[in-house]
Each structure stands twice: as C-alpha cells, then as structure tokens.
C-alpha atoms as a PDB file:
ATOM      1  CA  MET A   1     -29.044 -37.215  14.354  1.00  0.00           C
ATOM      2  CA  ASN A   2     -25.327 -36.595  13.766  1.00  0.00           C
ATOM      3  CA  ARG A   3     -25.908 -36.608  10.017  1.00  0.00           C
ATOM      4  CA  ILE A   4     -28.360 -33.757  10.434  1.00  0.00           C
ATOM      5  CA  LEU A   5     -26.329 -31.732  12.931  1.00  0.00           C
ATOM      6  CA  LYS A   6     -23.047 -31.848  11.058  1.00  0.00           C
ATOM      7  CA  PRO A   7     -24.288 -30.047   7.899  1.00  0.00           C
ATOM      8  CA  LEU A   8     -26.153 -27.600  10.149  1.00  0.00           C
ATOM      9  CA  VAL A   9     -22.923 -26.702  11.983  1.00  0.00           C
ATOM     10  CA  VAL A  10     -21.149 -26.165   8.673  1.00  0.00           C
ATOM     11  CA  LEU A  11     -24.007 -23.943   7.482  1.00  0.00           C
ATOM     12  CA  LEU A  12     -23.849 -21.819  10.636  1.00  0.00           C
ATOM     13  CA  LEU A  13     -20.084 -21.371  10.355  1.00  0.00           C
ATOM     14  CA  CYS A  14     -20.204 -20.463   6.678  1.00  0.00           C
ATOM     15  CA  SER A  15     -23.013 -17.933   7.133  1.00  0.00           C
ATOM     16  CA  GLY A  16     -21.447 -16.255  10.171  1.00  0.00           C
ATOM     17  CA  SER A  17     -21.518 -12.773   8.644  1.00  0.00           C
ATOM     18  CA  ALA A  18     -25.267 -12.892   8.030  1.00  0.00           C
ATOM     19  CA  ILE A  19     -26.028 -14.152  11.561  1.00  0.00           C
ATOM     20  CA  TYR A  20     -23.649 -11.555  13.000  1.00  0.00           C
ATOM     21  CA  ALA A  21     -25.414  -8.791  11.087  1.00  0.00           C
ATOM     22  CA  GLN A  22     -28.783  -9.792  12.550  1.00  0.00           C
ATOM     23  CA  THR A  23     -27.594  -9.678  16.152  1.00  0.00           C
ATOM     24  CA  SER A  24     -25.406  -6.535  16.177  1.00  0.00           C
ATOM     25  CA  ASP A  25     -26.803  -2.996  16.073  1.00  0.00           C
ATOM     26  CA  PRO A  26     -24.564  -0.754  13.936  1.00  0.00           C
ATOM     27  CA  PRO A  27     -22.963   2.234  15.683  1.00  0.00           C
ATOM     28  CA  VAL A  28     -24.031   4.624  12.896  1.00  0.00           C
ATOM     29  CA  PRO A  29     -26.815   4.509  10.276  1.00  0.00           C
ATOM     30  CA  GLY A  30     -25.818   3.035   6.940  1.00  0.00           C
ATOM     31  CA  TRP A  31     -23.393   0.498   8.397  1.00  0.00           C
ATOM     32  CA  VAL A  32     -23.868  -3.235   8.946  1.00  0.00           C
ATOM     33  CA  ALA A  33     -22.157  -5.852  11.084  1.00  0.00           C
ATOM     34  CA  TYR A  34     -19.614  -8.057   9.367  1.00  0.00           C
ATOM     35  CA  GLN A  35     -17.245 -10.761  10.596  1.00  0.00           C
ATOM     36  CA  PRO A  36     -14.163 -10.572   8.334  1.00  0.00           C
ATOM     37  CA  THR A  37     -12.129 -13.556   7.202  1.00  0.00           C
ATOM     38  CA  GLU A  38      -8.365 -13.449   6.707  1.00  0.00           C
ATOM     39  CA  ASP A  39      -9.012 -12.890   2.984  1.00  0.00           C
ATOM     40  CA  ASP A  40     -11.276  -9.942   3.833  1.00  0.00           C
ATOM     41  CA  LEU A  41      -8.551  -8.388   5.982  1.00  0.00           C
ATOM     42  CA  ARG A  42      -6.003  -8.843   3.206  1.00  0.00           C
ATOM     43  CA  CYS A  43      -8.407  -7.115   0.846  1.00  0.00           C
ATOM     44  CA  ALA A  44      -8.848  -4.243   3.319  1.00  0.00           C
ATOM     45  CA  ASN A  45      -5.085  -3.749   3.282  1.00  0.00           C
ATOM     46  CA  TYR A  46      -5.449  -2.506  -0.310  1.00  0.00           C
ATOM     47  CA  SER A  47      -8.493  -0.348   0.344  1.00  0.00           C
ATOM     48  CA  LYS A  48      -8.239   3.260  -0.767  1.00  0.00           C
ATOM     49  CA  GLN A  49     -10.880   4.260   1.776  1.00  0.00           C
ATOM     50  CA  ALA A  50     -10.123   4.573   5.459  1.00  0.00           C
ATOM     51  CA  TRP A  51     -12.494   5.721   8.176  1.00  0.00           C
ATOM     52  CA  ARG A  52     -11.888   8.157  11.022  1.00  0.00           C
ATOM     53  CA  VAL A  53     -14.076   7.990  14.136  1.00  0.00           C
ATOM     54  CA  THR A  54     -14.852  10.892  16.471  1.00  0.00           C
ATOM     55  CA  LEU A  55     -17.407  11.601  19.207  1.00  0.00           C
ATOM     56  CA  ASN A  56     -20.135  14.175  18.723  1.00  0.00           C
ATOM     57  CA  SER A  57     -20.268  17.312  20.869  1.00  0.00           C
ATOM     58  CA  ASP A  58     -22.033  15.697  23.850  1.00  0.00           C
ATOM     59  CA  ASN A  59     -20.128  12.386  23.610  1.00  0.00           C
ATOM     60  CA  SER A  60     -23.393  10.492  23.072  1.00  0.00           C
ATOM     61  CA  SER A  61     -22.615   8.932  19.687  1.00  0.00           C
ATOM     62  CA  ILE A  62     -19.833   8.506  17.176  1.00  0.00           C
ATOM     63  CA  MET A  63     -19.324  10.133  13.793  1.00  0.00           C
ATOM     64  CA  VAL A  64     -17.526   8.460  10.907  1.00  0.00           C
ATOM     65  CA  SER A  65     -15.703  10.370   8.182  1.00  0.00           C
ATOM     66  CA  ARG A  66     -13.070   9.607   5.600  1.00  0.00           C
ATOM     67  CA  PHE A  67      -9.560   9.617   7.011  1.00  0.00           C
ATOM     68  CA  GLU A  68      -6.916  11.701   5.280  1.00  0.00           C
ATOM     69  CA  ASP A  69      -3.386  10.971   6.467  1.00  0.00           C
ATOM     70  CA  ASN A  70      -2.145  14.539   6.507  1.00  0.00           C
ATOM     71  CA  THR A  71      -1.695  15.333  10.220  1.00  0.00           C
ATOM     72  CA  ARG A  72       2.053  15.387  10.577  1.00  0.00           C
ATOM     73  CA  ARG A  73       2.432  18.514  12.687  1.00  0.00           C
ATOM     74  CA  HIS A  74       1.146  18.976  16.235  1.00  0.00           C
ATOM     75  CA  VAL A  75       1.122  22.137  18.351  1.00  0.00           C
ATOM     76  CA  ILE A  76       0.216  22.805  21.986  1.00  0.00           C
ATOM     77  CA  ALA A  77       0.432  26.008  24.010  1.00  0.00           C
ATOM     78  CA  VAL A  78       2.620  26.066  27.106  1.00  0.00           C
ATOM     79  CA  ARG A  79       3.380  28.751  29.706  1.00  0.00           C
ATOM     80  CA  ASP A  80       5.769  30.856  27.639  1.00  0.00           C
ATOM     81  CA  GLY A  81       5.282  29.640  24.099  1.00  0.00           C
ATOM     82  CA  ARG A  82       4.328  26.449  22.329  1.00  0.00           C
ATOM     83  CA  LEU A  83       5.586  22.965  21.663  1.00  0.00           C
ATOM     84  CA  VAL A  84       5.721  21.906  18.041  1.00  0.00           C
ATOM     85  CA  GLY A  85       6.106  18.253  17.105  1.00  0.00           C
ATOM     86  CA  GLU A  86       6.410  16.633  13.701  1.00  0.00           C
ATOM     87  CA  ASP A  87       6.103  13.076  12.433  1.00  0.00           C
ATOM     88  CA  HIS A  88       7.587  12.145   9.064  1.00  0.00           C
ATOM     89  CA  GLY A  89       7.585   8.398   9.524  1.00  0.00           C
ATOM     90  CA  GLU A  90      10.800   6.712   8.468  1.00  0.00           C
ATOM     91  CA  TRP A  91      12.214  10.128   7.577  1.00  0.00           C
ATOM     92  CA  GLY A  92      12.284  11.116  11.242  1.00  0.00           C
ATOM     93  CA  GLY A  93      10.569  13.559  13.549  1.00  0.00           C
ATOM     94  CA  SER A  94      11.261  16.495  15.834  1.00  0.00           C
ATOM     95  CA  LEU A  95      10.075  18.311  18.928  1.00  0.00           C
ATOM     96  CA  TRP A  96      10.758  22.001  19.561  1.00  0.00           C
ATOM     97  CA  TRP A  97       9.868  24.640  22.103  1.00  0.00           C
ATOM     98  CA  ILE A  98       9.191  28.022  20.426  1.00  0.00           C
ATOM     99  CA  SER A  99       8.671  31.294  22.273  1.00  0.00           C
ATOM    100  CA  LYS A 100       5.447  33.277  21.935  1.00  0.00           C
ATOM    101  CA  ASP A 101       7.090  35.842  19.664  1.00  0.00           C
ATOM    102  CA  GLY A 102       8.775  33.140  17.601  1.00  0.00           C
ATOM    103  CA  ARG A 103      12.245  34.577  18.153  1.00  0.00           C
ATOM    104  CA  ARG A 104      13.588  31.867  20.437  1.00  0.00           C
ATOM    105  CA  ARG A 105      13.445  28.133  20.086  1.00  0.00           C
ATOM    106  CA  LYS A 106      14.990  25.037  21.569  1.00  0.00           C
ATOM    107  CA  TRP A 107      15.247  21.545  20.144  1.00  0.00           C
ATOM    108  CA  LEU A 108      13.934  18.898  22.572  1.00  0.00           C
ATOM    109  CA  SER A 109      13.800  15.569  20.731  1.00  0.00           C
ATOM    110  CA  ASP A 110      14.156  13.874  17.353  1.00  0.00           C
ATOM    111  CA  GLU A 111      11.335  11.376  18.026  1.00  0.00           C
ATOM    112  CA  ASN A 112       8.288  11.098  15.765  1.00  0.00           C
ATOM    113  CA  VAL A 113       5.589  13.060  17.595  1.00  0.00           C
ATOM    114  CA  HIS A 114       2.009  11.729  17.382  1.00  0.00           C
ATOM    115  CA  GLY A 115       0.508  14.420  19.587  1.00  0.00           C
ATOM    116  CA  PHE A 116       0.300  16.129  22.984  1.00  0.00           C
ATOM    117  CA  VAL A 117      -2.018  15.754  25.940  1.00  0.00           C
ATOM    118  CA  LYS A 118      -2.358  17.817  29.132  1.00  0.00           C
ATOM    119  CA  THR A 119      -2.750  15.752  32.298  1.00  0.00           C
ATOM    120  CA  SER A 120      -2.248  16.103  36.032  1.00  0.00           C
ATOM    121  CA  ALA A 121       1.350  15.042  35.343  1.00  0.00           C
ATOM    122  CA  GLY A 122       1.809  17.994  33.000  1.00  0.00           C
ATOM    123  CA  VAL A 123       2.158  18.034  29.230  1.00  0.00           C
ATOM    124  CA  LEU A 124       2.815  14.572  27.847  1.00  0.00           C
ATOM    125  CA  VAL A 125       4.147  13.850  24.373  1.00  0.00           C
ATOM    126  CA  ILE A 126       3.148  10.624  22.580  1.00  0.00           C
ATOM    127  CA  VAL A 127       6.002   9.469  20.336  1.00  0.00           C
ATOM    128  CA  GLY A 128       7.096   6.408  18.407  1.00  0.00           C
ATOM    129  CA  LEU A 129       7.645   4.728  15.055  1.00  0.00           C
ATOM    130  CA  ALA A 130       6.700   1.481  13.346  1.00  0.00           C
ATOM    131  CA  HIS A 131       8.657   0.899  10.138  1.00  0.00           C
ATOM    132  CA  MET A 132      10.079  -2.364   8.847  1.00  0.00           C
ATOM    133  CA  GLY A 133      11.979  -3.838  11.827  1.00  0.00           C
ATOM    134  CA  THR A 134      11.419  -0.789  14.043  1.00  0.00           C
ATOM    135  CA  ASN A 135       8.460  -0.715  16.427  1.00  0.00           C
ATOM    136  CA  HIS A 136       8.718   1.411  19.551  1.00  0.00           C
ATOM    137  CA  GLY A 137       6.607   3.912  21.440  1.00  0.00           C
ATOM    138  CA  GLU A 138       7.076   6.114  24.467  1.00  0.00           C
ATOM    139  CA  VAL A 139       5.402   8.872  26.426  1.00  0.00           C
ATOM    140  CA  LEU A 140       7.678  11.823  27.156  1.00  0.00           C
ATOM    141  CA  GLN A 141       7.056  14.449  29.824  1.00  0.00           C
ATOM    142  CA  TYR A 142       7.758  18.105  29.127  1.00  0.00           C
ATOM    143  CA  VAL A 143       9.862  19.739  31.828  1.00  0.00           C
ATOM    144  CA  ASP A 144       9.369  23.524  31.963  1.00  0.00           C
ATOM    145  CA  GLY A 145      11.887  26.096  33.131  1.00  0.00           C
ATOM    146  CA  PRO A 146      14.238  28.731  31.753  1.00  0.00           C
ATOM    147  CA  VAL A 147      15.010  28.209  28.072  1.00  0.00           C
ATOM    148  CA  ARG A 148      18.353  26.539  28.716  1.00  0.00           C
ATOM    149  CA  LYS A 149      16.720  24.032  31.100  1.00  0.00           C
ATOM    150  CA  LYS A 150      13.677  23.095  29.056  1.00  0.00           C
ATOM    151  CA  ARG A 151      13.690  19.416  28.180  1.00  0.00           C
ATOM    152  CA  VAL A 152      11.660  16.241  27.920  1.00  0.00           C
ATOM    153  CA  LYS A 153      12.224  13.079  29.900  1.00  0.00           C
ATOM    154  CA  MET A 154      11.031   9.512  29.603  1.00  0.00           C
ATOM    155  CA  PHE A 155       7.678   9.130  31.335  1.00  0.00           C
ATOM    156  CA  ALA A 156       6.420   5.717  30.161  1.00  0.00           C
ATOM    157  CA  ASP A 157       7.502   2.971  27.773  1.00  0.00           C
ATOM    158  CA  LEU A 158       4.571   1.872  25.601  1.00  0.00           C
ATOM    159  CA  GLY A 159       6.494  -1.060  24.177  1.00  0.00           C
ATOM    160  CA  TRP A 160       4.941  -0.559  20.738  1.00  0.00           C
ATOM    161  CA  ALA A 161       4.360   2.317  18.348  1.00  0.00           C
ATOM    162  CA  PRO A 162       1.196   4.340  19.033  1.00  0.00           C
ATOM    163  CA  ASN A 163      -1.710   4.535  16.572  1.00  0.00           C
ATOM    164  CA  ALA A 164      -3.892   7.011  18.481  1.00  0.00           C
ATOM    165  CA  PHE A 165      -4.654   8.194  22.015  1.00  0.00           C
ATOM    166  CA  VAL A 166      -7.493   9.687  24.068  1.00  0.00           C
ATOM    167  CA  LEU A 167      -7.473  11.538  27.386  1.00  0.00           C
ATOM    168  CA  GLU A 168      -9.529   9.372  29.735  1.00  0.00           C
ATOM    169  CA  SER A 169      -9.282  11.608  32.816  1.00  0.00           C
ATOM    170  CA  PRO A 170      -6.839  14.177  34.234  1.00  0.00           C
ATOM    171  CA  ASP A 171      -4.922  11.201  35.659  1.00  0.00           C
ATOM    172  CA  SER A 172      -4.918   8.772  32.726  1.00  0.00           C
ATOM    173  CA  VAL A 173      -4.509   8.498  28.970  1.00  0.00           C
ATOM    174  CA  ILE A 174      -5.602   5.565  26.814  1.00  0.00           C
ATOM    175  CA  VAL A 175      -3.106   4.817  24.043  1.00  0.00           C
ATOM    176  CA  PHE A 176      -3.847   2.437  21.195  1.00  0.00           C
ATOM    177  CA  THR A 177      -0.533   0.850  20.235  1.00  0.00           C
ATOM    178  CA  ARG A 178       0.364  -1.669  17.533  1.00  0.00           C
ATOM    179  CA  ASP A 179      -0.159  -4.365  20.184  1.00  0.00           C
ATOM    180  CA  GLY A 180      -3.433  -3.113  21.664  1.00  0.00           C
ATOM    181  CA  PHE A 181      -4.816  -0.649  24.195  1.00  0.00           C
ATOM    182  CA  VAL A 182      -2.927   0.494  27.286  1.00  0.00           C
ATOM    183  CA  ARG A 183      -3.718   2.959  30.039  1.00  0.00           C
ATOM    184  CA  VAL A 184      -0.937   5.352  31.035  1.00  0.00           C
ATOM    185  CA  HIS A 185      -1.432   6.588  34.594  1.00  0.00           C
ATOM    186  CA  ALA A 186      -0.247   9.926  35.968  1.00  0.00           C
ATOM    187  CA  SER A 187       2.334   7.975  37.963  1.00  0.00           C
ATOM    188  CA  GLY A 188       3.875   6.680  34.731  1.00  0.00           C
ATOM    189  CA  ARG A 189       2.548   3.158  35.209  1.00  0.00           C
ATOM    190  CA  VAL A 190       1.382   1.439  32.022  1.00  0.00           C
ATOM    191  CA  GLU A 191      -1.586  -0.930  32.290  1.00  0.00           C
ATOM    192  CA  SER A 192      -2.592  -3.272  29.465  1.00  0.00           C
ATOM    193  CA  ILE A 193      -6.341  -3.044  28.765  1.00  0.00           C
ATOM    194  CA  PHE A 194      -6.991  -5.092  25.639  1.00  0.00           C
ATOM    195  CA  ARG A 195      -4.571  -6.774  23.292  1.00  0.00           C
ATOM    196  CA  ARG A 196      -5.487  -6.512  19.615  1.00  0.00           C
ATOM    197  CA  VAL A 197      -3.153  -6.431  16.606  1.00  0.00           C
ATOM    198  CA  TYR A 198      -5.082  -4.972  13.671  1.00  0.00           C
ATOM    199  CA  GLY A 199      -2.013  -5.045  11.449  1.00  0.00           C
ATOM    200  CA  LEU A 200      -2.796  -4.589   7.758  1.00  0.00           C
ATOM    201  CA  VAL A 201      -5.952  -2.512   8.260  1.00  0.00           C
ATOM    202  CA  TYR A 202      -3.918   0.391   9.721  1.00  0.00           C
ATOM    203  CA  PRO A 203      -6.081   1.832  12.547  1.00  0.00           C
ATOM    204  CA  ASN A 204      -5.883   5.619  12.677  1.00  0.00           C
ATOM    205  CA  SER A 205      -8.306   6.783  15.395  1.00  0.00           C
ATOM    206  CA  PHE A 206     -10.508   5.648  18.243  1.00  0.00           C
ATOM    207  CA  THR A 207     -13.155   7.034  20.554  1.00  0.00           C
ATOM    208  CA  LEU A 208     -13.876   6.318  24.212  1.00  0.00           C
ATOM    209  CA  SER A 209     -17.474   6.784  25.390  1.00  0.00           C
ATOM    210  CA  PRO A 210     -18.453   7.702  28.975  1.00  0.00           C
ATOM    211  CA  THR A 211     -19.449   4.027  29.461  1.00  0.00           C
ATOM    212  CA  GLY A 212     -16.076   2.754  28.249  1.00  0.00           C
ATOM    213  CA  VAL A 213     -17.164   1.626  24.769  1.00  0.00           C
ATOM    214  CA  ILE A 214     -14.372   1.983  22.209  1.00  0.00           C
ATOM    215  CA  HIS A 215     -14.779   2.488  18.461  1.00  0.00           C
ATOM    216  CA  VAL A 216     -11.792   2.167  16.131  1.00  0.00           C
ATOM    217  CA  GLY A 217     -11.414   3.676  12.667  1.00  0.00           C
ATOM    218  CA  MET A 218      -9.257   1.951  10.045  1.00  0.00           C
ATOM    219  CA  ARG A 219      -9.104   0.937   6.406  1.00  0.00           C
ATOM    220  CA  HIS A 220     -12.421  -0.403   5.111  1.00  0.00           C
ATOM    221  CA  PHE A 221     -13.855  -1.300   8.573  1.00  0.00           C
ATOM    222  CA  ILE A 222     -14.676   0.173  11.949  1.00  0.00           C
ATOM    223  CA  THR A 223     -14.838  -1.941  15.105  1.00  0.00           C
ATOM    224  CA  ARG A 224     -16.640  -1.623  18.411  1.00  0.00           C
ATOM    225  CA  LEU A 225     -15.223  -2.898  21.712  1.00  0.00           C
ATOM    226  CA  THR A 226     -17.791  -3.148  24.484  1.00  0.00           C
ATOM    227  CA  PRO A 227     -16.666  -3.838  28.088  1.00  0.00           C
ATOM    228  CA  SER A 228     -18.033  -7.186  29.255  1.00  0.00           C
ATOM    229  CA  ALA A 229     -17.116  -9.140  32.400  1.00  0.00           C
ATOM    230  CA  GLY A 230     -13.599  -7.717  32.643  1.00  0.00           C
ATOM    231  CA  ALA A 231     -12.920  -8.149  28.921  1.00  0.00           C
ATOM    232  CA  TYR A 232     -14.219  -6.679  25.657  1.00  0.00           C
ATOM    233  CA  LYS A 233     -16.734  -7.902  23.103  1.00  0.00           C
ATOM    234  CA  GLU A 234     -15.407  -7.072  19.640  1.00  0.00           C
ATOM    235  CA  GLU A 235     -17.688  -6.316  16.672  1.00  0.00           C
ATOM    236  CA  TRP A 236     -16.794  -5.328  13.098  1.00  0.00           C
ATOM    237  CA  PHE A 237     -18.797  -3.120  10.726  1.00  0.00           C
ATOM    238  CA  VAL A 238     -18.698  -2.048   7.078  1.00  0.00           C
ATOM    239  CA  PRO A 239     -20.794   0.421   5.061  1.00  0.00           C
ATOM    240  CA  ALA A 240     -24.008  -1.275   3.938  1.00  0.00           C
ATOM    241  CA  ASN A 241     -23.116  -0.554   0.318  1.00  0.00           C
ATOM    242  CA  CYS A 242     -19.781  -2.351   0.743  1.00  0.00           C
ATOM    243  CA  ALA A 243     -20.804  -5.636   2.355  1.00  0.00           C
ATOM    244  CA  GLN A 244     -19.345  -7.426  -0.670  1.00  0.00           C
ATOM    245  CA  PHE A 245     -15.840  -6.646  -1.860  1.00  0.00           C
ATOM    246  CA  ALA A 246     -12.706  -8.084  -3.451  1.00  0.00           C
ATOM    247  CA  VAL A 247      -9.261  -7.033  -4.600  1.00  0.00           C
ATOM    248  CA  GLN A 248      -9.129  -5.495  -8.076  1.00  0.00           C
ATOM    249  CA  ASP A 249      -6.086  -3.702  -9.457  1.00  0.00           C
ATOM    250  CA  TYR A 250      -4.559  -3.179  -6.013  1.00  0.00           C
ATOM    251  CA  ASP A 251      -7.762  -1.803  -4.526  1.00  0.00           C
ATOM    252  CA  CYS A 252     -10.459  -3.340  -2.328  1.00  0.00           C
ATOM    253  CA  VAL A 253     -13.490  -2.774  -4.550  1.00  0.00           C
ATOM    254  CA  CYS A 254     -17.039  -2.731  -3.201  1.00  0.00           C
ATOM    255  CA  GLY A 255     -20.082  -4.277  -4.864  1.00  0.00           C
ATOM    256  CA  ALA A 256     -21.537  -7.627  -5.842  1.00  0.00           C
ATOM    257  CA  ALA A 257     -19.675  -7.452  -9.154  1.00  0.00           C
ATOM    258  CA  ALA A 258     -16.423  -7.590  -7.217  1.00  0.00           C
ATOM    259  CA  ARG A 259     -17.119 -11.219  -6.336  1.00  0.00           C
END
C-alpha cells in the first residue's frame, strides 16, 4: 500500500496548480487559478505587465486593468484650499497646503505622500518609503487653522511602507503595507489583520468588498483573500493566456514556448 500511496502523494504535490485551478473560481473572466512556486515569483519580478484592481460602481465585482506607475501627485480639497502631496521615491516627497486662489501656500512635510483619506478623525495622509535599507510608513493627521498654524502631526505608525489603502468606514482605514494588511482606527490604534510579504511582485492596489474579500493587484498575478474562521484563505490567479511563463531577456514571457 505504501508503494502505491507514495507516488500518488508526489503526483498530487507536483500537479498542485492544475488541482488548484479546478477548485477555485476566478474573480474575473479570462483568468485562472495558479499556485506559484518560488521560481514563478522570481519570474514575476521581471514581468513588464502589472495589474491594477478596482471595484465596479456598485461594489459587486472587481475590474482588472494594466497598472501604470505614474501617480506621483495627490490632491484633496480642504476648508480653505487644498493639500498637495508628492511621492518621488528615493528622491523625496513633499506635502503643501495651497490656498484656493493659489496665492498662499505652506510647507507641511517632506514625507513621500501616497494619498489622502477623509475620516471621522479628519483628513489623514498616508506616507512612507521603502528603498534599500529604508522601510517606514506613517499616517499623519492634518491640523487645520490659520495659515501660520496649519500643520500635520503623527497619527499612527504603520511600521512598514504602505503599498495601497482603502477607506473601510468613516472610523477606519485598511492599509496594505510591505508587511501585510493593517486597520487604522479613528483613535489612532493600528490593528494587524493579515501578514503577507509579497516582496518581488510589487503590489500596487487592492479592493475591499462589502463582505470583506480582498483582491490585490501586482506584477503578473492577482490574489484573492477570503475571510475564513478568523483568518484568510489566499488564492492566486493569472490570465488564462499566461498560465505558462519563464524569464527571457529580463522579462517574464507568457506562452508554452517560454518553457
């Protein structure tokens, strides 16, 4: 009996991607389930295609589009003007208040700004940087007032650089950091939700459905995290026409010929 079972176990382990594909419904048409190996993830690091995920207008399903890394400037309206934040990676960032007529401005921070979100705690600014030995992330709180008193103050320490964030409710924001997902409460408390280091596949976006299902966009793959018994079930997907791939000339090339 052992002689029969042992090869069967090996067969099941080696064909994990095919079994996975049969038991996981893809989040969008034209995609298939795939369980990547370490070699697959290294290949994805070189991929020239990255995927951005968003929710449709009624939050009932996700949409996947090609990600273009060109959002370096963020703007949000405030009582008497706007906040403008920029993110230039290792070259630095900035945060300014600018009056409605554009004639007055005040510098607020030199952090790399990833975006703004309005909550019950006011306007929050998601900042941080991951570059070489640097990896930090914070949430700053905008403090309104006369021009000379406008400022930002530390609201929450994320511990790691942010990849993306979503407003969960007026009282909470979900931030996807380099170390995983955290919930930032209106009190400033940071709660770890799910630890996941995607590393070389460079996640760029995520969605949060009304039922708590998370989809993550990244190089080559998207993943789905489904709440289950206080944890998350993680599933990986690739385009059906790219279920076979390999590194060629510093690119992750799709197609059977790539093998």
